[in-house]
Amino acid sequence: MNHPETILVLDFGSQYSQLIARRVRELHVYSKIVSWKTPAEEIRAAAPAGIILSGGPASVYQANAPKCDPAIFELGIPVLGICYGLQLMVETLGGEVSHGDAREYGKAIVTSTSASPLFEDVPAETQMWMSHGDKVTRLPEGFKTCAKTDNTEFAAVQDLDRRLFGIQFHPEVVHSPMGPLVIENFCLGICGCSANWTMSDFIERSVAEIRETVGSANVILGLSGGVDSSVAAALIHKAIGDQLTCVFVNNGLLRKDEPERVRELFGGTFKMSLVYVDATDRFLSKLAGVNEPERKRKIIGGEFIQVFSDACANIPDVTFLAQGTTYPDVIESISIDGNPSAVIKSHHNVGGLPAHMKFKLLEPLSRLFKDEVREVGRQLGLPEEMVMRQPFPGPGLAVRCVGEVTPGKLAVLRGADKIIVDEMKKANLYYKIWQTFAVFLPVRSVGVMGDERTYEDAIAIRAVESRDGMTADWVRLPYPLLARISNRIINEVDGVNRVVYDITSKPPGTIEWE
């Protein structure tokens, strides 16, 4: 898919690279993440409007530090280096970077020292988020400083003649309130982008691309009823109609009444070709005795694909397997081209197919963030209740059931989860936050019910706010609401005598417990 105006983000292994791309997208400018290894000639051929060098965990003076093609700085394309990206630009062009006497982590006041198009309409003193141990100690020829902090003389630098800019702080994170304006000044002001990336444009381009890619072949799609797979189904159905067959697999790890709702909505209301497979026993038998989270995910992913293989046996001319993979799925599953970013967890719908399967992969949403996916769904006519549905993990309740997954634990978890969702909806909060759910904890504790001593399991309530799933903060739910949820779970769900509230943000935790 071609985009006339693109900001390329060169990824040096930062966990924030996706956030940089997301902030650019918020400006209605298309962004694309590429490897730091991308040659300058390849970038020249792509003709981006601008380039952003991400942060990263390495030090530029280390022997194996990732370093971009130096010719990138001679292309005449505006470049913005962030943190490691700044240090790399300075070191590449003849300046110096060394280990700082004092590290700088957290909030810092950045003070402008000279005029810069990067700081247009930004207050002279503003809070930004710092996260670095190294620092620039000497600028290359042609560069001047334009901002500082108490600890960092070169908090922002620029070479206006070559349109090269560098900042030591992270404008992409929520802790930098004026950070989005800095990114806007770079993309719209310095790079001259016209902000014409919209979801209607994406739909039009995607439909044409899907038709061209698929031709007269048939496509099979795993439909979970979640936002991602539902929007993918609607988009592909718009492009090729009855060439798409949706397969809904009941893996036994779904929420209460989920199978009935999905079948009624897509098979009934939307009239899509829907194949229903109840594979509950098959999945749970494979998961018996398994405690390790990553192994559970891999078992579910492998079994999921095998069920697909069986389900499509009677569907003629199936060439493509479609999936609702999104951008956060991709970055959390693999590091790009060997970048030193940490692999957090795998997703069952990312990573390719077994060699014996003949399907080609079709992932029309793989470069969209969650809010973009929702907007595509709205424009395709999906109901708001489905579009705004909270994210649900591909491995289902297995990653919300700590330790071994058993039918008994799942029954407890489903009951608790339904109560949480019911009470959140009654409080008019369910559609206002990112995720709210129950987690089964295999931790027994002593309790008292009536005149009897109990020794039963615990349920954790998890409620987080996020924009795209890359970072998240725990929600301060009202105490009366928490009290109602706790009271109902203990009174209505057999086997639970304790309810706790998870107050961990991401990072350092993940949204799901496993």
Protein backbone atom coordinates (compact mmCIF):
# COMPACT_ATOMS: atom_id res chain seq x y z
CA MET A 1 0.00 0.00 0.00
CA ASN A 2 1.54 3.32 -1.07
CA HIS A 3 1.24 6.46 1.03
CA PRO A 4 2.31 9.79 -0.48
CA GLU A 5 3.37 11.30 2.86
CA THR A 6 5.23 9.04 5.26
CA ILE A 7 7.33 9.57 8.35
CA LEU A 8 9.80 6.70 8.69
CA VAL A 9 10.71 5.64 12.23
CA LEU A 10 14.08 3.90 12.36
CA ASP A 11 13.82 1.45 15.25
CA PHE A 12 16.93 1.03 17.39
CA GLY A 13 15.27 -1.32 19.86
CA SER A 14 13.24 1.08 21.98
CA GLN A 15 10.04 -0.19 23.59
CA TYR A 16 8.70 3.27 22.73
CA SER A 17 9.16 3.00 18.97
CA GLN A 18 5.50 2.09 18.48
CA LEU A 19 4.50 5.06 20.60
CA ILE A 20 6.47 7.38 18.33
CA ALA A 21 4.67 5.94 15.32
CA ARG A 22 1.35 6.27 17.13
CA ARG A 23 1.89 9.93 17.96
CA VAL A 24 2.62 10.63 14.31
CA ARG A 25 -0.57 8.80 13.27
CA GLU A 26 -2.54 10.99 15.69
CA LEU A 27 -1.58 13.91 13.46
CA HIS A 28 -3.20 12.11 10.48
CA VAL A 29 0.25 11.50 9.04
CA TYR A 30 1.14 7.95 8.01
CA SER A 31 4.11 6.48 9.89
CA LYS A 32 6.04 3.32 9.24
CA ILE A 33 8.63 1.59 11.41
CA VAL A 34 11.68 0.19 9.65
CA SER A 35 14.91 -1.39 10.81
CA TRP A 36 17.90 0.73 11.71
CA LYS A 37 19.75 -1.33 9.10
CA THR A 38 17.72 0.16 6.22
CA PRO A 39 20.17 1.53 3.60
CA ALA A 40 20.04 5.21 2.71
CA GLU A 41 19.31 4.37 -0.93
CA GLU A 42 16.26 2.37 0.09
CA ILE A 43 15.06 5.30 2.17
CA ARG A 44 15.70 7.68 -0.73
CA ALA A 45 13.60 5.46 -2.98
CA ALA A 46 10.74 5.48 -0.45
CA ALA A 47 10.88 9.31 -0.45
CA PRO A 48 9.58 9.87 3.10
CA ALA A 49 8.68 13.36 4.24
CA GLY A 50 10.80 12.89 7.34
CA ILE A 51 12.79 10.42 9.43
CA ILE A 52 12.68 9.84 13.17
CA LEU A 53 15.48 7.93 14.90
CA SER A 54 14.08 6.12 17.94
CA GLY A 55 15.65 5.64 21.31
CA GLY A 56 17.31 2.35 22.28
CA PRO A 57 19.00 0.48 25.11
CA ALA A 58 22.55 0.57 23.71
CA SER A 59 25.34 3.14 24.09
CA VAL A 60 26.66 4.61 20.84
CA TYR A 61 30.27 4.03 21.89
CA GLN A 62 29.75 0.29 22.45
CA ALA A 63 31.41 -2.02 19.93
CA ASN A 64 28.18 -3.63 18.70
CA ALA A 65 25.88 -0.63 19.01
CA PRO A 66 23.28 -0.42 16.22
CA LYS A 67 24.20 2.37 13.82
CA CYS A 68 22.26 3.58 10.80
CA ASP A 69 23.68 4.28 7.35
CA PRO A 70 25.56 7.62 7.75
CA ALA A 71 24.37 8.67 4.28
CA ILE A 72 20.86 9.11 5.74
CA PHE A 73 21.98 12.49 7.07
CA GLU A 74 22.98 13.58 3.56
CA LEU A 75 19.65 12.81 1.85
CA GLY A 76 18.23 16.28 2.43
CA ILE A 77 15.28 14.72 4.33
CA PRO A 78 14.51 16.20 7.78
CA VAL A 79 15.71 13.97 10.62
CA LEU A 80 14.67 14.00 14.28
CA GLY A 81 16.78 11.94 16.68
CA ILE A 82 15.20 10.98 20.02
CA CYS A 83 17.45 10.02 22.97
CA TYR A 84 19.71 7.31 21.48
CA GLY A 85 18.78 8.72 18.07
CA LEU A 86 20.15 12.12 19.09
CA GLN A 87 23.34 10.59 20.44
CA LEU A 88 23.83 8.49 17.32
CA MET A 89 23.39 11.50 15.04
CA VAL A 90 25.87 13.53 17.07
CA GLU A 91 28.44 10.73 17.18
CA THR A 92 28.06 9.91 13.47
CA LEU A 93 28.54 13.52 12.40
CA GLY A 94 31.67 14.17 14.46
CA GLY A 95 30.45 15.13 17.91
CA GLU A 96 31.05 13.33 21.19
CA VAL A 97 28.89 11.23 23.50
CA SER A 98 30.04 9.93 26.86
CA HIS A 99 28.67 8.35 30.01
CA GLY A 100 27.11 11.05 32.18
CA ASP A 101 28.22 11.73 35.73
CA ALA A 102 24.57 11.65 36.80
CA ARG A 103 21.84 9.65 35.15
CA GLU A 104 18.57 11.39 34.32
CA TYR A 105 15.38 9.34 34.64
CA GLY A 106 11.89 10.72 35.06
CA LYS A 107 10.37 14.16 34.78
CA ALA A 108 12.67 17.08 33.99
CA ILE A 109 12.16 20.74 33.13
CA VAL A 110 13.40 21.53 29.63
CA THR A 111 14.33 25.18 29.10
CA SER A 112 14.61 26.70 25.63
CA THR A 113 17.86 28.54 25.02
CA SER A 114 17.34 29.70 21.44
CA ALA A 115 14.59 29.80 18.81
CA SER A 116 13.76 26.52 17.06
CA PRO A 117 10.96 25.43 14.72
CA LEU A 118 10.84 22.27 16.85
CA PHE A 119 9.62 24.31 19.84
CA GLU A 120 7.10 26.54 18.06
CA ASP A 121 4.34 27.43 20.60
CA VAL A 122 6.02 25.29 23.27
CA PRO A 123 6.50 27.15 26.60
CA ALA A 124 10.05 28.32 27.34
CA GLU A 125 10.05 25.96 30.31
CA THR A 126 8.15 22.69 30.03
CA GLN A 127 8.12 19.25 31.59
CA MET A 128 9.52 16.38 29.54
CA TRP A 129 10.38 12.74 30.31
CA MET A 130 14.05 11.79 30.45
CA SER A 131 15.52 8.28 30.41
CA HIS A 132 19.26 8.24 29.77
CA GLY A 133 22.65 7.60 31.32
CA ASP A 134 24.79 8.79 28.39
CA LYS A 135 24.86 12.40 27.25
CA VAL A 136 26.14 14.57 24.43
CA THR A 137 29.32 16.37 25.46
CA ARG A 138 30.32 18.09 22.19
CA LEU A 139 28.25 19.01 19.15
CA PRO A 140 29.24 18.35 15.52
CA GLU A 141 30.07 21.27 13.28
CA GLY A 142 26.95 23.14 12.18
CA PHE A 143 24.86 22.18 15.22
CA LYS A 144 23.64 24.54 17.92
CA THR A 145 21.89 23.87 21.19
CA CYS A 146 18.33 25.09 21.56
CA ALA A 147 17.26 23.62 24.93
CA LYS A 148 18.79 22.39 28.19
CA THR A 149 17.94 20.83 31.56
CA ASP A 150 19.74 21.14 34.88
CA ASN A 151 21.59 17.91 34.08
CA THR A 152 21.86 18.08 30.29
CA GLU A 153 23.41 21.01 28.44
CA PHE A 154 22.31 19.62 25.06
CA ALA A 155 18.69 18.63 25.73
CA ALA A 156 17.78 19.72 22.18
CA VAL A 157 20.06 20.55 19.25
CA GLN A 158 19.62 21.52 15.62
CA ASP A 159 21.38 22.11 12.32
CA LEU A 160 18.86 24.29 10.53
CA ASP A 161 20.73 24.30 7.21
CA ARG A 162 20.54 20.49 6.95
CA ARG A 163 17.21 20.23 8.83
CA LEU A 164 18.70 17.87 11.41
CA PHE A 165 17.24 17.93 14.92
CA GLY A 166 17.89 15.98 18.10
CA ILE A 167 16.23 15.81 21.51
CA GLN A 168 17.41 13.99 24.61
CA PHE A 169 13.91 13.67 26.09
CA HIS A 170 11.02 11.41 25.03
CA PRO A 171 8.17 13.48 23.53
CA GLU A 172 6.12 10.37 22.74
CA VAL A 173 5.30 9.34 26.31
CA VAL A 174 2.36 10.62 28.35
CA HIS A 175 4.71 12.16 30.93
CA SER A 176 5.77 14.78 28.35
CA PRO A 177 2.63 16.96 28.13
CA MET A 178 4.02 19.17 25.35
CA GLY A 179 5.71 16.26 23.59
CA PRO A 180 2.92 15.83 21.01
CA LEU A 181 3.37 19.46 19.98
CA VAL A 182 7.10 18.88 19.43
CA ILE A 183 6.28 15.92 17.19
CA GLU A 184 3.62 17.98 15.41
CA ASN A 185 6.11 20.78 14.79
CA PHE A 186 8.49 18.29 13.23
CA CYS A 187 5.94 16.45 11.06
CA LEU A 188 3.67 19.28 9.97
CA GLY A 189 6.00 22.25 10.26
CA ILE A 190 9.50 21.08 9.42
CA CYS A 191 8.55 18.14 7.15
CA GLY A 192 5.54 19.93 5.63
CA CYS A 193 3.11 17.00 5.89
CA SER A 194 -0.51 17.88 5.07
CA ALA A 195 -2.20 15.47 7.53
CA ASN A 196 -4.19 13.48 4.99
CA TRP A 197 -3.94 9.97 6.50
CA THR A 198 -7.51 8.93 7.34
CA MET A 199 -9.30 5.66 7.96
CA SER A 200 -11.60 6.20 4.98
CA ASP A 201 -8.46 6.40 2.85
CA PHE A 202 -7.16 3.26 4.54
CA ILE A 203 -10.39 1.36 3.82
CA GLU A 204 -10.38 2.39 0.17
CA ARG A 205 -6.76 1.39 -0.31
CA SER A 206 -7.15 -1.84 1.67
CA VAL A 207 -10.20 -3.01 -0.27
CA ALA A 208 -8.35 -2.51 -3.54
CA GLU A 209 -5.26 -4.24 -2.21
CA ILE A 210 -7.24 -7.21 -0.82
CA ARG A 211 -9.04 -7.70 -4.13
CA GLU A 212 -5.78 -7.56 -6.05
CA THR A 213 -4.02 -9.91 -3.63
CA VAL A 214 -6.82 -12.49 -3.31
CA GLY A 215 -8.14 -12.53 -6.87
CA SER A 216 -10.68 -15.34 -7.27
CA ALA A 217 -9.32 -17.43 -4.37
CA ASN A 218 -11.12 -18.09 -1.09
CA VAL A 219 -10.14 -16.76 2.33
CA ILE A 220 -10.65 -18.33 5.75
CA LEU A 221 -10.66 -16.17 8.88
CA GLY A 222 -10.65 -17.05 12.54
CA LEU A 223 -13.46 -15.06 14.11
CA SER A 224 -13.37 -14.57 17.87
CA GLY A 225 -15.98 -11.85 18.15
CA GLY A 226 -13.36 -9.40 19.40
CA VAL A 227 -12.79 -6.03 17.78
CA ASP A 228 -9.76 -7.00 15.71
CA SER A 229 -11.06 -10.17 14.07
CA SER A 230 -14.52 -8.64 13.60
CA VAL A 231 -13.19 -5.55 11.84
CA ALA A 232 -10.86 -7.70 9.74
CA ALA A 233 -13.85 -9.84 8.74
CA ALA A 234 -15.94 -6.80 7.83
CA LEU A 235 -13.12 -5.24 5.80
CA ILE A 236 -12.33 -8.43 3.90
CA HIS A 237 -16.05 -9.16 3.37
CA LYS A 238 -16.45 -5.67 1.88
CA ALA A 239 -13.64 -6.47 -0.53
CA ILE A 240 -14.48 -10.04 -1.63
CA GLY A 241 -17.92 -10.94 -0.22
CA ASP A 242 -18.70 -14.67 -0.21
CA GLN A 243 -15.10 -15.57 -0.99
CA LEU A 244 -14.60 -15.16 2.76
CA THR A 245 -15.54 -17.92 5.20
CA CYS A 246 -15.30 -17.13 8.91
CA VAL A 247 -14.45 -19.98 11.26
CA PHE A 248 -15.46 -19.47 14.88
CA VAL A 249 -13.56 -21.81 17.17
CA ASN A 250 -14.89 -22.35 20.66
CA ASN A 251 -11.67 -23.23 22.42
CA GLY A 252 -13.34 -23.55 25.82
CA LEU A 253 -11.52 -20.41 26.93
CA LEU A 254 -14.22 -17.90 26.09
CA ARG A 255 -16.29 -15.78 28.43
CA LYS A 256 -19.77 -16.68 29.61
CA ASP A 257 -22.33 -16.87 26.75
CA GLU A 258 -19.69 -15.77 24.23
CA PRO A 259 -20.25 -18.56 21.67
CA GLU A 260 -23.97 -17.81 21.41
CA ARG A 261 -23.43 -14.06 20.96
CA VAL A 262 -20.84 -14.45 18.22
CA ARG A 263 -22.92 -16.94 16.23
CA GLU A 264 -26.02 -14.76 16.43
CA LEU A 265 -24.23 -11.54 15.43
CA PHE A 266 -22.14 -12.72 12.49
CA GLY A 267 -24.01 -15.74 11.25
CA GLY A 268 -27.40 -14.08 11.78
CA THR A 269 -27.24 -10.30 11.66
CA PHE A 270 -24.34 -9.89 9.22
CA LYS A 271 -25.12 -12.97 7.12
CA MET A 272 -21.48 -13.95 6.78
CA SER A 273 -20.54 -17.51 5.92
CA LEU A 274 -19.75 -18.89 9.38
CA VAL A 275 -18.41 -22.31 10.36
CA TYR A 276 -18.70 -23.09 14.10
CA VAL A 277 -16.28 -25.57 15.69
CA ASP A 278 -16.65 -26.60 19.33
CA ALA A 279 -13.13 -27.72 20.25
CA THR A 280 -13.43 -27.25 24.01
CA ASP A 281 -12.33 -30.76 24.96
CA ARG A 282 -9.48 -30.69 22.47
CA PHE A 283 -7.94 -27.49 23.88
CA LEU A 284 -8.43 -28.27 27.56
CA SER A 285 -6.90 -31.73 27.22
CA LYS A 286 -3.79 -30.18 25.65
CA LEU A 287 -3.55 -27.64 28.47
CA ALA A 288 -3.92 -30.19 31.27
CA GLY A 289 -0.97 -30.02 33.67
CA VAL A 290 0.61 -26.99 31.94
CA ASN A 291 1.56 -24.10 34.23
CA GLU A 292 4.11 -22.00 32.32
CA PRO A 293 2.46 -18.97 30.61
CA GLU A 294 4.44 -18.96 27.38
CA ARG A 295 3.95 -22.70 26.90
CA LYS A 296 0.20 -22.23 27.36
CA ARG A 297 0.20 -19.56 24.65
CA LYS A 298 2.16 -21.74 22.25
CA ILE A 299 -0.11 -24.75 22.84
CA ILE A 300 -3.20 -22.64 22.21
CA GLY A 301 -1.65 -21.09 19.11
CA GLY A 302 -0.59 -24.44 17.69
CA GLU A 303 -3.93 -26.07 18.39
CA PHE A 304 -5.75 -23.07 16.96
CA ILE A 305 -3.97 -23.51 13.64
CA GLN A 306 -4.62 -27.26 13.61
CA VAL A 307 -8.32 -26.71 14.19
CA PHE A 308 -8.25 -24.29 11.28
CA SER A 309 -6.59 -26.89 9.13
CA ASP A 310 -9.36 -29.35 9.94
CA ALA A 311 -12.14 -26.77 9.50
CA CYS A 312 -11.06 -25.66 6.05
CA ALA A 313 -10.83 -29.18 4.65
CA ASN A 314 -14.31 -28.93 3.13
CA ILE A 315 -13.95 -25.34 1.89
CA PRO A 316 -12.74 -25.35 -1.73
CA ASP A 317 -9.85 -23.31 -3.06
CA VAL A 318 -8.77 -21.80 0.24
CA THR A 319 -5.57 -19.90 -0.39
CA PHE A 320 -5.45 -17.29 2.36
CA LEU A 321 -5.71 -17.37 6.15
CA ALA A 322 -6.83 -13.95 7.38
CA GLN A 323 -6.04 -12.69 10.87
CA GLY A 324 -6.85 -9.58 12.89
CA THR A 325 -3.22 -8.91 13.80
CA THR A 326 -2.62 -5.29 14.85
CA TYR A 327 0.52 -3.23 15.28
CA PRO A 328 0.85 -3.75 19.07
CA ASP A 329 0.55 -7.52 18.47
CA VAL A 330 3.50 -7.38 16.12
CA ILE A 331 5.83 -5.33 18.30
CA GLU A 332 5.12 -7.41 21.42
CA SER A 333 5.81 -10.67 19.61
CA ILE A 334 8.99 -10.01 17.67
CA SER A 335 11.79 -7.51 17.61
CA ILE A 336 12.34 -5.93 14.22
CA ASP A 337 15.30 -7.30 12.26
CA GLY A 338 17.21 -8.41 15.30
CA ASN A 339 16.83 -5.17 17.23
CA PRO A 340 17.80 -5.52 20.89
CA SER A 341 14.27 -4.81 22.13
CA ALA A 342 12.92 -7.39 24.52
CA VAL A 343 10.37 -9.96 23.44
CA ILE A 344 7.57 -9.58 25.98
CA LYS A 345 5.18 -12.36 25.04
CA SER A 346 4.00 -14.16 21.95
CA HIS A 347 0.57 -13.89 20.37
CA HIS A 348 -1.11 -16.92 18.85
CA ASN A 349 -1.95 -14.99 15.67
CA VAL A 350 1.57 -13.75 14.93
CA GLY A 351 4.63 -15.52 13.67
CA GLY A 352 3.63 -17.35 10.53
CA LEU A 353 2.20 -20.75 9.78
CA PRO A 354 3.56 -24.29 9.99
CA ALA A 355 5.39 -25.44 6.88
CA HIS A 356 2.81 -28.14 6.09
CA MET A 357 0.01 -25.59 5.78
CA LYS A 358 -0.45 -24.14 2.33
CA PHE A 359 -2.20 -20.93 3.37
CA LYS A 360 -0.85 -17.50 2.65
CA LEU A 361 -1.29 -14.95 5.40
CA LEU A 362 -3.66 -11.99 4.99
CA GLU A 363 -3.38 -9.37 7.77
CA PRO A 364 -5.12 -6.17 6.66
CA LEU A 365 -4.94 -4.52 10.10
CA SER A 366 -1.32 -5.30 10.91
CA ARG A 367 -0.24 -1.66 10.70
CA LEU A 368 -3.13 -0.16 12.66
CA PHE A 369 -3.38 0.73 16.33
CA LYS A 370 -6.47 -0.15 18.32
CA ASP A 371 -8.26 3.19 18.04
CA GLU A 372 -7.66 3.16 14.28
CA VAL A 373 -9.14 -0.35 14.09
CA ARG A 374 -12.22 0.86 15.97
CA GLU A 375 -12.69 3.76 13.58
CA VAL A 376 -12.42 1.41 10.59
CA GLY A 377 -15.13 -0.73 12.20
CA ARG A 378 -17.42 2.26 12.61
CA GLN A 379 -16.96 3.29 9.00
CA LEU A 380 -17.74 -0.27 7.90
CA GLY A 381 -21.05 -0.14 9.76
CA LEU A 382 -20.32 -2.41 12.72
CA PRO A 383 -22.43 -1.66 15.82
CA GLU A 384 -20.91 0.66 18.40
CA GLU A 385 -21.29 -1.94 21.16
CA MET A 386 -19.01 -4.30 19.24
CA VAL A 387 -16.61 -1.60 18.05
CA MET A 388 -16.08 -0.31 21.58
CA ARG A 389 -15.86 -3.73 23.12
CA GLN A 390 -12.90 -4.09 25.41
CA PRO A 391 -9.89 -6.04 24.07
CA PHE A 392 -9.87 -9.76 24.76
CA PRO A 393 -6.65 -11.79 24.43
CA GLY A 394 -6.31 -14.39 21.69
CA PRO A 395 -5.50 -17.17 24.18
CA GLY A 396 -8.69 -16.21 26.02
CA LEU A 397 -9.19 -16.92 29.70
CA ALA A 398 -6.08 -19.12 29.75
CA VAL A 399 -3.92 -16.02 30.34
CA ARG A 400 -6.29 -14.86 33.07
CA CYS A 401 -6.14 -18.19 34.88
CA VAL A 402 -2.77 -18.23 36.61
CA GLY A 403 -1.20 -21.67 36.54
CA GLU A 404 -2.91 -24.79 35.19
CA VAL A 405 -6.16 -24.29 33.30
CA THR A 406 -9.00 -26.55 34.44
CA PRO A 407 -12.76 -26.59 33.77
CA GLY A 408 -13.42 -25.79 37.43
CA LYS A 409 -11.15 -22.76 37.48
CA LEU A 410 -12.64 -21.53 34.21
CA ALA A 411 -16.15 -21.78 35.64
CA VAL A 412 -15.11 -19.66 38.62
CA LEU A 413 -13.37 -17.16 36.37
CA ARG A 414 -16.34 -16.85 34.01
CA GLY A 415 -18.69 -16.19 36.89
CA ALA A 416 -16.44 -13.51 38.38
CA ASP A 417 -15.76 -11.92 34.99
CA LYS A 418 -19.46 -11.62 34.19
CA ILE A 419 -20.11 -9.87 37.48
CA ILE A 420 -17.33 -7.36 36.81
CA VAL A 421 -18.62 -6.60 33.32
CA ASP A 422 -22.22 -6.29 34.56
CA GLU A 423 -21.30 -3.88 37.34
CA MET A 424 -19.03 -1.80 35.09
CA LYS A 425 -21.87 -1.41 32.59
CA LYS A 426 -24.34 -0.48 35.34
CA ALA A 427 -21.88 2.20 36.49
CA ASN A 428 -21.60 3.48 32.91
CA LEU A 429 -17.85 2.85 32.95
CA TYR A 430 -17.35 -0.26 30.82
CA TYR A 431 -17.01 1.55 27.49
CA LYS A 432 -15.00 4.42 28.97
CA ILE A 433 -11.85 2.54 29.92
CA TRP A 434 -9.54 0.18 28.07
CA GLN A 435 -10.01 -3.10 29.94
CA THR A 436 -11.71 -4.46 33.04
CA PHE A 437 -11.60 -8.16 33.85
CA ALA A 438 -11.11 -10.88 36.45
CA VAL A 439 -8.00 -12.97 37.04
CA PHE A 440 -8.13 -16.34 38.80
CA LEU A 441 -5.39 -16.67 41.40
CA PRO A 442 -4.51 -20.17 42.61
CA VAL A 443 -3.77 -18.76 46.03
CA ARG A 444 -5.94 -20.10 48.82
CA SER A 445 -6.51 -18.17 52.00
CA VAL A 446 -8.53 -18.52 55.16
CA GLY A 447 -11.92 -16.86 55.33
CA VAL A 448 -15.08 -16.89 57.38
CA MET A 449 -18.54 -17.39 55.88
CA GLY A 450 -21.35 -17.54 58.36
CA ASP A 451 -20.00 -19.48 61.31
CA GLU A 452 -17.69 -21.63 59.23
CA ARG A 453 -14.03 -21.35 58.35
CA THR A 454 -13.26 -21.41 54.62
CA TYR A 455 -10.05 -22.04 52.69
CA GLU A 456 -10.69 -20.95 49.09
CA ASP A 457 -9.25 -19.21 46.04
CA ALA A 458 -8.84 -15.54 45.21
CA ILE A 459 -9.98 -13.36 42.32
CA ALA A 460 -8.06 -10.26 41.21
CA ILE A 461 -9.85 -7.33 39.60
CA ARG A 462 -7.84 -5.71 36.80
CA ALA A 463 -8.89 -2.32 35.40
CA VAL A 464 -6.52 -0.32 33.19
CA GLU A 465 -6.64 2.77 31.03
CA SER A 466 -4.66 2.89 27.79
CA ARG A 467 -4.69 4.45 24.34
CA ASP A 468 -3.16 1.63 22.34
CA GLY A 469 -2.15 -1.13 24.74
CA MET A 470 1.55 -0.24 24.63
CA THR A 471 1.43 1.49 28.01
CA ALA A 472 -1.33 1.43 30.61
CA ASP A 473 -2.21 2.86 34.00
CA TRP A 474 -4.46 1.23 36.58
CA VAL A 475 -7.86 2.83 36.97
CA ARG A 476 -8.98 4.33 40.27
CA LEU A 477 -12.41 2.72 40.31
CA PRO A 478 -14.84 4.15 42.89
CA TYR A 479 -14.74 2.33 46.22
CA PRO A 480 -18.52 1.71 46.27
CA LEU A 481 -18.23 0.01 42.86
CA LEU A 482 -15.34 -2.16 44.02
CA ALA A 483 -17.32 -3.05 47.12
CA ARG A 484 -20.32 -4.16 45.04
CA ILE A 485 -18.13 -6.26 42.74
CA SER A 486 -16.33 -7.90 45.64
CA ASN A 487 -19.55 -8.59 47.51
CA ARG A 488 -21.23 -10.16 44.48
CA ILE A 489 -18.24 -12.34 43.55
CA ILE A 490 -17.87 -13.75 47.05
CA ASN A 491 -21.61 -14.32 47.44
CA GLU A 492 -22.38 -15.61 43.93
CA VAL A 493 -19.25 -17.49 42.80
CA ASP A 494 -18.58 -20.76 44.58
CA GLY A 495 -14.97 -21.34 45.63
CA VAL A 496 -13.92 -17.70 46.12
CA ASN A 497 -13.53 -16.05 49.51
CA ARG A 498 -11.16 -13.19 48.71
CA VAL A 499 -11.08 -10.41 46.08
CA VAL A 500 -8.02 -8.19 45.50
CA TYR A 501 -7.41 -5.16 43.25
CA ASP A 502 -4.41 -4.98 40.90
CA ILE A 503 -2.79 -1.52 41.07
CA THR A 504 0.12 -2.21 38.69
CA SER A 505 0.74 -0.06 35.60
CA LYS A 506 2.37 -1.09 32.30
CA PRO A 507 5.33 -0.87 32.50
CA PRO A 508 6.50 -2.49 34.75
CA GLY A 509 3.66 -5.04 34.54
CA THR A 510 1.78 -6.21 31.48
CA ILE A 511 -1.98 -5.74 31.14
CA GLU A 512 -2.68 -9.48 31.21
CA TRP A 513 -1.20 -11.49 34.06
CA GLU A 514 0.27 -14.13 31.75
